[in-house]
Each structure stands twice: as C-alpha cells, then as structure tokens.
Amino acid sequence: MPGRVSTRRQFAQFSRPTGRGSSGPLKISFVAGADGVAVAFAIGKKVGNAVVRNRIRRRLRALFDAPRPPLPTGNYLVKVAEGTGSLTYDELSHHLDVALSRLIAR
C-alpha cells in the first residue's frame, strides 16, 4: 500500500518531474526517490461535486492498492480531468494502467 504525499517539500518536487504519463483524463507526474512509493491526487472542482471527487479518489486509492507489478520508488501525482466521474471502475483502471506504463517506458 503506497503512502501519501503530504509535505510541502514533496509537492514542490513535482515542478521538476522525472517522468510523465497520461491516458484519457488521467495525467501522472513522477519524481524518483528512495523512500518507497507515495501518491497524491489532484482533483479539481470542475470534475464534479464533493461526492464525485471523493468517489474518484477512493477508486484510485483502491487501484494503487491492488496487486500490480511493482512501481519504481518515488512520488506520484495523479491529475484528474473533467469527464472522469462518468468512467466505470474498469475504464479508470485501464487509463491508470496505460498512464503508468507510458511513465515507466520513458
């Protein structure tokens, strides 16, 4: 289970990401690090009301917790665009997998 990006210093590192990947409404920025995997989510109000944004956040957390090939250690910022609220869990999973594979392939 990945940790959470919570400090100002961790968020400041995203201004110079090590890698980027995107698919559909998801964009992921990655900063390499040696202290495990940590994830942050950027879900703006244009995506939907609080109920929709929290549902997306819970689904993304569950997807990161699900068994998958090990991710490179570092911090991940998942940016969510409009239209994500209408995606099913499987569609969201597909977009996350594609974005992560594009990130790792670089």
N, C-alpha and C. Protein backbone atom coordinates (compact mmCIF):
# COMPACT_ATOMS: atom_id res chain seq x y z
N MET A 1 0.85 -1.17 0.00
CA MET A 1 0.00 0.00 0.00
C MET A 1 0.89 1.24 0.00
N PRO A 2 0.72 2.10 -0.99
CA PRO A 2 1.57 3.29 -1.05
C PRO A 2 1.21 4.31 0.02
N GLY A 3 2.19 5.12 0.37
CA GLY A 3 1.96 6.20 1.32
C GLY A 3 1.34 7.40 0.63
N ARG A 4 1.26 8.48 1.36
CA ARG A 4 0.68 9.71 0.80
C ARG A 4 1.73 10.81 0.72
N VAL A 5 1.64 11.58 -0.33
CA VAL A 5 2.47 12.77 -0.46
C VAL A 5 1.81 13.83 0.40
N SER A 6 2.53 14.35 1.39
CA SER A 6 1.85 15.25 2.31
C SER A 6 2.65 16.51 2.64
N THR A 7 3.94 16.51 2.43
CA THR A 7 4.72 17.68 2.83
C THR A 7 4.88 18.66 1.68
N ARG A 8 5.12 19.88 2.03
CA ARG A 8 5.32 20.93 1.04
C ARG A 8 6.54 20.63 0.17
N ARG A 9 7.55 20.06 0.79
CA ARG A 9 8.77 19.73 0.06
C ARG A 9 8.51 18.66 -1.01
N GLN A 10 7.70 17.66 -0.67
CA GLN A 10 7.35 16.63 -1.64
C GLN A 10 6.57 17.20 -2.81
N PHE A 11 5.61 18.08 -2.52
CA PHE A 11 4.82 18.68 -3.59
C PHE A 11 5.67 19.61 -4.45
N ALA A 12 6.63 20.29 -3.88
CA ALA A 12 7.50 21.20 -4.64
C ALA A 12 8.33 20.44 -5.66
N GLN A 13 8.65 19.18 -5.39
CA GLN A 13 9.44 18.39 -6.32
C GLN A 13 8.70 18.12 -7.63
N PHE A 14 7.38 18.20 -7.62
CA PHE A 14 6.61 17.95 -8.84
C PHE A 14 6.78 19.05 -9.88
N SER A 15 7.41 20.17 -9.52
CA SER A 15 7.67 21.22 -10.51
C SER A 15 8.75 20.77 -11.49
N ARG A 16 9.55 19.76 -11.10
CA ARG A 16 10.58 19.20 -11.97
C ARG A 16 10.45 17.67 -11.98
N PRO A 17 9.41 17.14 -12.63
CA PRO A 17 9.19 15.70 -12.57
C PRO A 17 10.25 14.91 -13.33
N THR A 18 10.50 13.70 -12.86
CA THR A 18 11.42 12.78 -13.51
C THR A 18 10.75 12.13 -14.71
N GLY A 19 9.45 11.89 -14.61
CA GLY A 19 8.71 11.26 -15.70
C GLY A 19 7.27 11.68 -15.71
N ARG A 20 6.64 11.50 -16.88
CA ARG A 20 5.22 11.83 -17.03
C ARG A 20 4.56 10.77 -17.89
N GLY A 21 3.28 10.53 -17.63
CA GLY A 21 2.50 9.62 -18.43
C GLY A 21 1.05 10.04 -18.38
N SER A 22 0.32 9.78 -19.48
CA SER A 22 -1.09 10.17 -19.48
C SER A 22 -1.90 9.17 -20.31
N SER A 23 -3.17 9.14 -20.00
CA SER A 23 -4.12 8.33 -20.76
C SER A 23 -5.51 8.86 -20.45
N GLY A 24 -6.23 9.24 -21.49
CA GLY A 24 -7.58 9.76 -21.30
C GLY A 24 -7.57 10.95 -20.36
N PRO A 25 -8.39 10.91 -19.30
CA PRO A 25 -8.47 12.06 -18.39
C PRO A 25 -7.43 12.04 -17.27
N LEU A 26 -6.51 11.08 -17.27
CA LEU A 26 -5.51 10.99 -16.20
C LEU A 26 -4.13 11.41 -16.70
N LYS A 27 -3.45 12.21 -15.90
CA LYS A 27 -2.07 12.59 -16.15
C LYS A 27 -1.29 12.30 -14.88
N ILE A 28 -0.15 11.65 -15.03
CA ILE A 28 0.66 11.28 -13.87
C ILE A 28 2.03 11.91 -13.99
N SER A 29 2.46 12.57 -12.93
CA SER A 29 3.82 13.09 -12.82
C SER A 29 4.54 12.25 -11.78
N PHE A 30 5.82 11.99 -12.03
CA PHE A 30 6.60 11.11 -11.16
C PHE A 30 7.91 11.77 -10.80
N VAL A 31 8.29 11.68 -9.54
CA VAL A 31 9.58 12.16 -9.06
C VAL A 31 10.26 10.98 -8.37
N ALA A 32 11.40 10.57 -8.90
CA ALA A 32 12.11 9.42 -8.35
C ALA A 32 12.59 9.72 -6.94
N GLY A 33 12.59 8.70 -6.11
CA GLY A 33 13.04 8.82 -4.73
C GLY A 33 13.41 7.46 -4.19
N ALA A 34 14.00 7.44 -3.02
CA ALA A 34 14.47 6.18 -2.45
C ALA A 34 13.66 5.72 -1.25
N ASP A 35 12.62 6.43 -0.90
CA ASP A 35 11.90 6.11 0.34
C ASP A 35 10.53 5.49 0.11
N GLY A 36 10.37 4.64 -0.89
CA GLY A 36 9.11 3.96 -1.14
C GLY A 36 8.23 4.71 -2.12
N VAL A 37 7.00 4.27 -2.21
CA VAL A 37 6.03 4.84 -3.14
C VAL A 37 5.03 5.69 -2.35
N ALA A 38 4.81 6.92 -2.81
CA ALA A 38 3.81 7.80 -2.21
C ALA A 38 2.97 8.41 -3.33
N VAL A 39 1.69 8.60 -3.08
CA VAL A 39 0.77 9.06 -4.11
C VAL A 39 -0.03 10.27 -3.62
N ALA A 40 -0.25 11.22 -4.53
CA ALA A 40 -1.12 12.37 -4.27
C ALA A 40 -2.10 12.48 -5.44
N PHE A 41 -3.28 13.02 -5.17
CA PHE A 41 -4.30 13.18 -6.20
C PHE A 41 -4.68 14.65 -6.32
N ALA A 42 -4.79 15.13 -7.55
CA ALA A 42 -5.24 16.49 -7.82
C ALA A 42 -6.56 16.38 -8.58
N ILE A 43 -7.65 16.65 -7.86
CA ILE A 43 -8.99 16.52 -8.44
C ILE A 43 -9.71 17.84 -8.23
N GLY A 44 -9.84 18.62 -9.29
CA GLY A 44 -10.44 19.94 -9.20
C GLY A 44 -11.96 19.90 -9.14
N LYS A 45 -12.54 21.03 -8.82
CA LYS A 45 -13.99 21.13 -8.69
C LYS A 45 -14.72 20.99 -10.03
N LYS A 46 -14.02 21.21 -11.14
CA LYS A 46 -14.65 21.05 -12.45
C LYS A 46 -14.99 19.59 -12.73
N VAL A 47 -14.35 18.68 -12.03
CA VAL A 47 -14.60 17.25 -12.23
C VAL A 47 -15.99 16.88 -11.72
N GLY A 48 -16.43 17.51 -10.65
CA GLY A 48 -17.75 17.22 -10.09
C GLY A 48 -17.84 17.71 -8.67
N ASN A 49 -18.96 17.42 -8.04
CA ASN A 49 -19.14 17.84 -6.65
C ASN A 49 -18.30 16.97 -5.72
N ALA A 50 -18.38 17.20 -4.43
CA ALA A 50 -17.54 16.50 -3.46
C ALA A 50 -17.77 14.99 -3.48
N VAL A 51 -18.99 14.58 -3.70
CA VAL A 51 -19.30 13.16 -3.73
C VAL A 51 -18.56 12.49 -4.89
N VAL A 52 -18.60 13.10 -6.05
CA VAL A 52 -17.93 12.56 -7.24
C VAL A 52 -16.42 12.56 -7.05
N ARG A 53 -15.88 13.65 -6.56
CA ARG A 53 -14.42 13.73 -6.36
C ARG A 53 -13.93 12.70 -5.35
N ASN A 54 -14.68 12.52 -4.27
CA ASN A 54 -14.28 11.52 -3.27
C ASN A 54 -14.40 10.10 -3.81
N ARG A 55 -15.40 9.83 -4.64
CA ARG A 55 -15.54 8.51 -5.24
C ARG A 55 -14.35 8.21 -6.14
N ILE A 56 -13.94 9.20 -6.93
CA ILE A 56 -12.77 9.03 -7.81
C ILE A 56 -11.53 8.78 -6.97
N ARG A 57 -11.35 9.54 -5.91
CA ARG A 57 -10.18 9.39 -5.04
C ARG A 57 -10.15 7.99 -4.40
N ARG A 58 -11.30 7.51 -3.93
CA ARG A 58 -11.36 6.16 -3.34
C ARG A 58 -11.05 5.09 -4.38
N ARG A 59 -11.57 5.26 -5.58
CA ARG A 59 -11.29 4.28 -6.64
C ARG A 59 -9.81 4.27 -7.00
N LEU A 60 -9.21 5.44 -7.11
CA LEU A 60 -7.79 5.50 -7.45
C LEU A 60 -6.93 4.89 -6.34
N ARG A 61 -7.27 5.16 -5.09
CA ARG A 61 -6.53 4.53 -3.99
C ARG A 61 -6.64 3.02 -4.05
N ALA A 62 -7.85 2.52 -4.32
CA ALA A 62 -8.05 1.07 -4.41
C ALA A 62 -7.24 0.49 -5.57
N LEU A 63 -7.15 1.21 -6.67
CA LEU A 63 -6.37 0.72 -7.81
C LEU A 63 -4.87 0.69 -7.49
N PHE A 64 -4.38 1.68 -6.75
CA PHE A 64 -2.97 1.66 -6.37
C PHE A 64 -2.70 0.56 -5.34
N ASP A 65 -3.70 0.21 -4.53
CA ASP A 65 -3.53 -0.85 -3.54
C ASP A 65 -3.64 -2.24 -4.16
N ALA A 66 -4.29 -2.33 -5.32
CA ALA A 66 -4.49 -3.63 -5.97
C ALA A 66 -3.15 -4.21 -6.41
N PRO A 67 -3.09 -5.54 -6.48
CA PRO A 67 -1.84 -6.16 -6.93
C PRO A 67 -1.51 -5.74 -8.36
N ARG A 68 -0.31 -5.31 -8.56
CA ARG A 68 0.18 -4.90 -9.89
C ARG A 68 1.69 -5.03 -9.86
N PRO A 69 2.32 -4.99 -11.01
CA PRO A 69 3.78 -5.04 -11.00
C PRO A 69 4.34 -3.91 -10.13
N PRO A 70 5.45 -4.16 -9.45
CA PRO A 70 6.00 -3.13 -8.57
C PRO A 70 6.31 -1.84 -9.32
N LEU A 71 5.95 -0.74 -8.69
CA LEU A 71 6.21 0.58 -9.27
C LEU A 71 7.59 1.06 -8.84
N PRO A 72 8.24 1.87 -9.66
CA PRO A 72 9.50 2.47 -9.23
C PRO A 72 9.28 3.32 -7.98
N THR A 73 10.24 3.33 -7.07
CA THR A 73 10.08 4.11 -5.85
C THR A 73 10.14 5.59 -6.17
N GLY A 74 9.29 6.34 -5.49
CA GLY A 74 9.22 7.77 -5.69
C GLY A 74 7.82 8.28 -5.39
N ASN A 75 7.57 9.52 -5.76
CA ASN A 75 6.29 10.16 -5.51
C ASN A 75 5.52 10.31 -6.82
N TYR A 76 4.24 10.03 -6.77
CA TYR A 76 3.36 10.10 -7.92
C TYR A 76 2.27 11.14 -7.67
N LEU A 77 2.01 11.97 -8.67
CA LEU A 77 0.90 12.93 -8.61
C LEU A 77 -0.05 12.58 -9.74
N VAL A 78 -1.28 12.18 -9.39
CA VAL A 78 -2.28 11.81 -10.38
C VAL A 78 -3.22 13.00 -10.54
N LYS A 79 -3.22 13.59 -11.73
CA LYS A 79 -4.11 14.72 -12.03
C LYS A 79 -5.31 14.19 -12.80
N VAL A 80 -6.49 14.60 -12.35
CA VAL A 80 -7.74 14.10 -12.91
C VAL A 80 -8.44 15.23 -13.64
N ALA A 81 -8.87 14.96 -14.88
CA ALA A 81 -9.55 15.98 -15.69
C ALA A 81 -11.06 15.74 -15.70
N GLU A 82 -11.78 16.67 -16.29
CA GLU A 82 -13.23 16.55 -16.41
C GLU A 82 -13.59 15.28 -17.16
N GLY A 83 -14.72 14.72 -16.84
CA GLY A 83 -15.19 13.52 -17.50
C GLY A 83 -14.83 12.24 -16.78
N THR A 84 -13.97 12.33 -15.78
CA THR A 84 -13.55 11.14 -15.04
C THR A 84 -14.69 10.59 -14.21
N GLY A 85 -15.57 11.43 -13.73
CA GLY A 85 -16.67 10.99 -12.90
C GLY A 85 -17.62 10.04 -13.60
N SER A 86 -17.67 10.08 -14.93
CA SER A 86 -18.57 9.20 -15.68
C SER A 86 -17.92 7.88 -16.07
N LEU A 87 -16.63 7.70 -15.74
CA LEU A 87 -15.94 6.45 -16.08
C LEU A 87 -16.31 5.35 -15.09
N THR A 88 -16.36 4.13 -15.59
CA THR A 88 -16.56 2.99 -14.71
C THR A 88 -15.23 2.65 -14.04
N TYR A 89 -15.29 1.77 -13.06
CA TYR A 89 -14.08 1.35 -12.35
C TYR A 89 -13.09 0.70 -13.32
N ASP A 90 -13.59 -0.14 -14.22
CA ASP A 90 -12.72 -0.82 -15.18
C ASP A 90 -12.08 0.16 -16.16
N GLU A 91 -12.84 1.16 -16.61
CA GLU A 91 -12.27 2.17 -17.52
C GLU A 91 -11.20 2.99 -16.80
N LEU A 92 -11.46 3.35 -15.56
CA LEU A 92 -10.48 4.09 -14.77
C LEU A 92 -9.22 3.25 -14.56
N SER A 93 -9.40 1.97 -14.29
CA SER A 93 -8.28 1.06 -14.13
C SER A 93 -7.45 0.98 -15.41
N HIS A 94 -8.13 0.89 -16.54
CA HIS A 94 -7.42 0.83 -17.83
C HIS A 94 -6.60 2.09 -18.06
N HIS A 95 -7.19 3.27 -17.84
CA HIS A 95 -6.47 4.53 -18.05
C HIS A 95 -5.27 4.64 -17.10
N LEU A 96 -5.43 4.21 -15.86
CA LEU A 96 -4.33 4.25 -14.92
C LEU A 96 -3.20 3.33 -15.36
N ASP A 97 -3.53 2.11 -15.80
CA ASP A 97 -2.51 1.17 -16.25
C ASP A 97 -1.75 1.70 -17.46
N VAL A 98 -2.47 2.28 -18.41
CA VAL A 98 -1.82 2.83 -19.61
C VAL A 98 -0.93 4.00 -19.25
N ALA A 99 -1.42 4.89 -18.39
CA ALA A 99 -0.60 6.05 -17.99
C ALA A 99 0.66 5.62 -17.25
N LEU A 100 0.54 4.63 -16.35
CA LEU A 100 1.71 4.13 -15.63
C LEU A 100 2.69 3.44 -16.58
N SER A 101 2.18 2.69 -17.54
CA SER A 101 3.09 2.01 -18.48
C SER A 101 3.83 3.03 -19.35
N ARG A 102 3.16 4.11 -19.73
CA ARG A 102 3.83 5.16 -20.52
C ARG A 102 4.87 5.88 -19.67
N LEU A 103 4.58 6.03 -18.40
CA LEU A 103 5.51 6.68 -17.48
C LEU A 103 6.75 5.84 -17.31
N ILE A 104 6.58 4.55 -17.12
CA ILE A 104 7.70 3.64 -16.87
C ILE A 104 8.51 3.41 -18.14
N ALA A 105 7.84 3.45 -19.32
CA ALA A 105 8.52 3.18 -20.59
C ALA A 105 9.52 4.27 -20.96
N ARG A 106 9.37 5.46 -20.40
CA ARG A 106 10.27 6.57 -20.78
C ARG A 106 11.60 6.47 -20.13
